[in-house]
Amino acid sequence: MQLIECPWCGRREETEFHYGGQAHVAYPADPAALTDEEWAHYLFFRDNPKGLFAERWSHSAGCRRWFNAVRDTATYRFHAVYRPDEPRPVSS
């Protein structure tokens, strides 16, 4: 079982967490002005890279807080975790 670092609770088993999608997706500045096609693009189109990717995670069975993580999608290894109000760390 993999251990995931929660920024508030520390290392916990992966079964306590839920994936929340791509991190750093900005909400539209004027949502009322979007067409249906633009809304669909905002809601459903996300990056899907092989390698390092910034994601949102929820510690659903613990503190129930959201945080961001940089994870390698090919190896599933977490390279960094950080709170939503913190900038994305530089990863190599």
N, C-alpha and C. Protein backbone atom coordinates (compact mmCIF):
# COMPACT_ATOMS: atom_id res chain seq x y z
N MET A 1 0.84 -1.17 0.00
CA MET A 1 0.00 0.00 0.00
C MET A 1 0.89 1.24 0.00
N GLN A 2 0.48 2.21 -0.78
CA GLN A 2 1.24 3.46 -0.85
C GLN A 2 0.81 4.42 0.26
N LEU A 3 1.77 5.16 0.79
CA LEU A 3 1.47 6.20 1.77
C LEU A 3 1.49 7.55 1.06
N ILE A 4 0.48 8.37 1.33
CA ILE A 4 0.38 9.70 0.75
C ILE A 4 0.51 10.71 1.89
N GLU A 5 1.28 11.74 1.66
CA GLU A 5 1.52 12.79 2.66
C GLU A 5 0.39 13.83 2.60
N CYS A 6 -0.40 13.93 3.66
CA CYS A 6 -1.38 15.01 3.78
C CYS A 6 -0.66 16.21 4.40
N PRO A 7 -0.81 17.42 3.83
CA PRO A 7 -0.12 18.58 4.40
C PRO A 7 -0.51 18.89 5.84
N TRP A 8 -1.67 18.39 6.29
CA TRP A 8 -2.15 18.68 7.64
C TRP A 8 -1.97 17.48 8.58
N CYS A 9 -2.15 16.27 8.08
CA CYS A 9 -2.18 15.08 8.94
C CYS A 9 -0.93 14.21 8.87
N GLY A 10 -0.10 14.43 7.87
CA GLY A 10 1.07 13.58 7.69
C GLY A 10 0.78 12.39 6.79
N ARG A 11 1.64 11.39 6.85
CA ARG A 11 1.53 10.22 5.97
C ARG A 11 0.37 9.33 6.39
N ARG A 12 -0.44 8.97 5.40
CA ARG A 12 -1.57 8.08 5.63
C ARG A 12 -1.69 7.11 4.45
N GLU A 13 -2.44 6.04 4.65
CA GLU A 13 -2.64 5.06 3.59
C GLU A 13 -3.46 5.65 2.45
N GLU A 14 -3.17 5.21 1.24
CA GLU A 14 -3.82 5.76 0.05
C GLU A 14 -5.34 5.58 0.05
N THR A 15 -5.86 4.60 0.78
CA THR A 15 -7.31 4.37 0.82
C THR A 15 -8.06 5.51 1.50
N GLU A 16 -7.36 6.39 2.22
CA GLU A 16 -7.99 7.53 2.89
C GLU A 16 -8.21 8.72 1.95
N PHE A 17 -7.72 8.64 0.72
CA PHE A 17 -7.72 9.79 -0.19
C PHE A 17 -8.57 9.55 -1.42
N HIS A 18 -9.03 10.65 -2.01
CA HIS A 18 -9.75 10.61 -3.28
C HIS A 18 -9.14 11.61 -4.24
N TYR A 19 -9.00 11.17 -5.47
CA TYR A 19 -8.47 12.01 -6.55
C TYR A 19 -9.52 13.06 -6.93
N GLY A 20 -9.07 14.29 -7.18
CA GLY A 20 -10.00 15.37 -7.50
C GLY A 20 -9.77 16.04 -8.83
N GLY A 21 -8.92 15.47 -9.68
CA GLY A 21 -8.72 16.05 -11.00
C GLY A 21 -7.51 16.96 -11.07
N GLN A 22 -7.41 17.62 -12.20
CA GLN A 22 -6.28 18.50 -12.49
C GLN A 22 -6.30 19.72 -11.57
N ALA A 23 -5.14 20.10 -11.06
CA ALA A 23 -5.02 21.28 -10.20
C ALA A 23 -4.82 22.53 -11.05
N HIS A 24 -5.06 23.65 -10.46
CA HIS A 24 -4.80 24.97 -11.06
C HIS A 24 -5.64 25.25 -12.30
N VAL A 25 -6.87 24.78 -12.33
CA VAL A 25 -7.79 25.09 -13.42
C VAL A 25 -8.59 26.31 -12.96
N ALA A 26 -8.38 27.43 -13.62
CA ALA A 26 -9.01 28.68 -13.21
C ALA A 26 -10.50 28.70 -13.59
N TYR A 27 -11.32 29.14 -12.66
CA TYR A 27 -12.75 29.32 -12.92
C TYR A 27 -12.91 30.47 -13.91
N PRO A 28 -13.86 30.37 -14.85
CA PRO A 28 -14.03 31.44 -15.84
C PRO A 28 -14.33 32.79 -15.18
N ALA A 29 -13.72 33.84 -15.71
CA ALA A 29 -13.90 35.19 -15.16
C ALA A 29 -15.35 35.66 -15.29
N ASP A 30 -15.99 35.36 -16.42
CA ASP A 30 -17.38 35.76 -16.65
C ASP A 30 -18.16 34.53 -17.10
N PRO A 31 -18.58 33.69 -16.15
CA PRO A 31 -19.23 32.43 -16.53
C PRO A 31 -20.52 32.62 -17.32
N ALA A 32 -21.24 33.69 -17.09
CA ALA A 32 -22.50 33.92 -17.79
C ALA A 32 -22.29 34.18 -19.28
N ALA A 33 -21.09 34.58 -19.66
CA ALA A 33 -20.80 34.89 -21.06
C ALA A 33 -20.35 33.66 -21.86
N LEU A 34 -20.15 32.53 -21.21
CA LEU A 34 -19.66 31.35 -21.91
C LEU A 34 -20.76 30.67 -22.71
N THR A 35 -20.38 30.16 -23.87
CA THR A 35 -21.30 29.35 -24.66
C THR A 35 -21.34 27.94 -24.07
N ASP A 36 -22.28 27.14 -24.54
CA ASP A 36 -22.35 25.75 -24.07
C ASP A 36 -21.06 25.00 -24.40
N GLU A 37 -20.50 25.27 -25.58
CA GLU A 37 -19.27 24.61 -25.98
C GLU A 37 -18.11 25.02 -25.06
N GLU A 38 -18.03 26.30 -24.70
CA GLU A 38 -16.98 26.78 -23.79
C GLU A 38 -17.14 26.18 -22.40
N TRP A 39 -18.40 26.06 -21.91
CA TRP A 39 -18.65 25.42 -20.62
C TRP A 39 -18.21 23.96 -20.66
N ALA A 40 -18.56 23.27 -21.73
CA ALA A 40 -18.17 21.86 -21.86
C ALA A 40 -16.66 21.72 -21.84
N HIS A 41 -15.97 22.63 -22.53
CA HIS A 41 -14.51 22.58 -22.54
C HIS A 41 -13.96 22.81 -21.13
N TYR A 42 -14.52 23.78 -20.40
CA TYR A 42 -14.06 24.05 -19.04
C TYR A 42 -14.31 22.85 -18.12
N LEU A 43 -15.47 22.23 -18.23
CA LEU A 43 -15.85 21.15 -17.32
C LEU A 43 -15.18 19.81 -17.62
N PHE A 44 -15.00 19.49 -18.89
CA PHE A 44 -14.63 18.12 -19.24
C PHE A 44 -13.26 17.94 -19.88
N PHE A 45 -12.66 18.99 -20.41
CA PHE A 45 -11.39 18.82 -21.10
C PHE A 45 -10.24 19.12 -20.15
N ARG A 46 -9.42 18.12 -19.89
CA ARG A 46 -8.28 18.26 -19.00
C ARG A 46 -7.05 17.66 -19.65
N ASP A 47 -5.89 18.09 -19.18
CA ASP A 47 -4.64 17.52 -19.64
C ASP A 47 -4.54 16.08 -19.16
N ASN A 48 -3.82 15.27 -19.89
CA ASN A 48 -3.61 13.87 -19.52
C ASN A 48 -2.18 13.46 -19.89
N PRO A 49 -1.19 14.08 -19.23
CA PRO A 49 0.20 13.81 -19.62
C PRO A 49 0.74 12.52 -19.03
N LYS A 50 1.78 12.03 -19.66
CA LYS A 50 2.56 10.94 -19.07
C LYS A 50 3.75 11.61 -18.40
N GLY A 51 3.83 11.50 -17.09
CA GLY A 51 4.90 12.14 -16.35
C GLY A 51 4.35 13.00 -15.23
N LEU A 52 5.07 14.03 -14.84
CA LEU A 52 4.68 14.88 -13.71
C LEU A 52 3.43 15.67 -14.05
N PHE A 53 2.50 15.71 -13.08
CA PHE A 53 1.20 16.34 -13.29
C PHE A 53 0.70 16.88 -11.96
N ALA A 54 0.22 18.13 -11.95
CA ALA A 54 -0.33 18.73 -10.74
C ALA A 54 -1.81 18.33 -10.61
N GLU A 55 -2.15 17.75 -9.45
CA GLU A 55 -3.49 17.23 -9.23
C GLU A 55 -4.07 17.72 -7.91
N ARG A 56 -5.39 17.63 -7.80
CA ARG A 56 -6.08 17.91 -6.54
C ARG A 56 -6.42 16.60 -5.87
N TRP A 57 -6.25 16.55 -4.56
CA TRP A 57 -6.58 15.36 -3.77
C TRP A 57 -7.34 15.78 -2.53
N SER A 58 -8.20 14.90 -2.05
CA SER A 58 -8.96 15.14 -0.83
C SER A 58 -8.62 14.05 0.18
N HIS A 59 -8.34 14.47 1.41
CA HIS A 59 -8.12 13.50 2.50
C HIS A 59 -9.48 13.17 3.09
N SER A 60 -10.26 12.42 2.33
CA SER A 60 -11.68 12.19 2.64
C SER A 60 -11.93 11.38 3.90
N ALA A 61 -11.01 10.50 4.28
CA ALA A 61 -11.20 9.69 5.49
C ALA A 61 -10.40 10.24 6.66
N GLY A 62 -9.90 11.44 6.51
CA GLY A 62 -9.11 12.07 7.58
C GLY A 62 -9.64 13.45 7.88
N CYS A 63 -8.84 14.46 7.59
CA CYS A 63 -9.20 15.85 7.90
C CYS A 63 -10.22 16.43 6.92
N ARG A 64 -10.48 15.72 5.81
CA ARG A 64 -11.45 16.11 4.78
C ARG A 64 -11.06 17.38 4.04
N ARG A 65 -9.81 17.75 4.09
CA ARG A 65 -9.33 18.94 3.38
C ARG A 65 -8.78 18.59 2.00
N TRP A 66 -8.82 19.57 1.13
CA TRP A 66 -8.25 19.43 -0.21
C TRP A 66 -6.81 19.92 -0.19
N PHE A 67 -5.99 19.30 -1.02
CA PHE A 67 -4.61 19.75 -1.21
C PHE A 67 -4.19 19.42 -2.63
N ASN A 68 -3.08 19.95 -3.04
CA ASN A 68 -2.53 19.69 -4.37
C ASN A 68 -1.32 18.79 -4.25
N ALA A 69 -1.06 18.06 -5.30
CA ALA A 69 0.10 17.16 -5.34
C ALA A 69 0.68 17.16 -6.75
N VAL A 70 1.99 16.99 -6.83
CA VAL A 70 2.64 16.74 -8.11
C VAL A 70 2.97 15.26 -8.11
N ARG A 71 2.38 14.55 -9.06
CA ARG A 71 2.51 13.09 -9.12
C ARG A 71 2.94 12.68 -10.51
N ASP A 72 3.76 11.65 -10.58
CA ASP A 72 4.17 11.08 -11.87
C ASP A 72 3.09 10.08 -12.29
N THR A 73 2.42 10.36 -13.39
CA THR A 73 1.31 9.50 -13.82
C THR A 73 1.79 8.16 -14.37
N ALA A 74 3.06 8.05 -14.71
CA ALA A 74 3.59 6.78 -15.21
C ALA A 74 3.97 5.84 -14.07
N THR A 75 4.49 6.39 -12.97
CA THR A 75 4.95 5.55 -11.86
C THR A 75 4.05 5.63 -10.63
N TYR A 76 3.13 6.58 -10.63
CA TYR A 76 2.22 6.85 -9.51
C TYR A 76 2.94 7.47 -8.30
N ARG A 77 4.21 7.76 -8.43
CA ARG A 77 4.99 8.33 -7.31
C ARG A 77 4.65 9.79 -7.10
N PHE A 78 4.41 10.17 -5.84
CA PHE A 78 4.16 11.56 -5.47
C PHE A 78 5.50 12.26 -5.29
N HIS A 79 5.68 13.40 -5.96
CA HIS A 79 6.94 14.16 -5.86
C HIS A 79 6.82 15.32 -4.88
N ALA A 80 5.61 15.84 -4.69
CA ALA A 80 5.40 16.96 -3.77
C ALA A 80 3.92 17.06 -3.43
N VAL A 81 3.63 17.50 -2.22
CA VAL A 81 2.27 17.86 -1.83
C VAL A 81 2.31 19.27 -1.26
N TYR A 82 1.24 20.03 -1.48
CA TYR A 82 1.21 21.40 -1.00
C TYR A 82 -0.24 21.86 -0.84
N ARG A 83 -0.42 22.81 0.05
CA ARG A 83 -1.76 23.34 0.32
C ARG A 83 -2.25 24.19 -0.85
N PRO A 84 -3.56 24.31 -1.01
CA PRO A 84 -4.10 25.07 -2.15
C PRO A 84 -3.66 26.53 -2.20
N ASP A 85 -3.33 27.12 -1.06
CA ASP A 85 -2.93 28.53 -1.05
C ASP A 85 -1.43 28.70 -1.29
N GLU A 86 -0.71 27.61 -1.48
CA GLU A 86 0.72 27.66 -1.75
C GLU A 86 0.99 27.50 -3.25
N PRO A 87 2.07 28.09 -3.76
CA PRO A 87 2.39 27.92 -5.17
C PRO A 87 2.87 26.51 -5.48
N ARG A 88 2.71 26.12 -6.72
CA ARG A 88 3.19 24.81 -7.14
C ARG A 88 4.71 24.76 -7.02
N PRO A 89 5.24 23.74 -6.35
CA PRO A 89 6.69 23.63 -6.23
C PRO A 89 7.32 23.31 -7.58
N VAL A 90 8.55 23.72 -7.74
CA VAL A 90 9.30 23.43 -8.96
C VAL A 90 9.74 21.98 -8.87
N SER A 91 9.37 21.18 -9.86
CA SER A 91 9.72 19.75 -9.86
C SER A 91 10.70 19.47 -10.97
N SER A 92 11.56 18.52 -10.73
CA SER A 92 12.53 18.15 -11.76
C SER A 92 12.29 16.73 -12.21
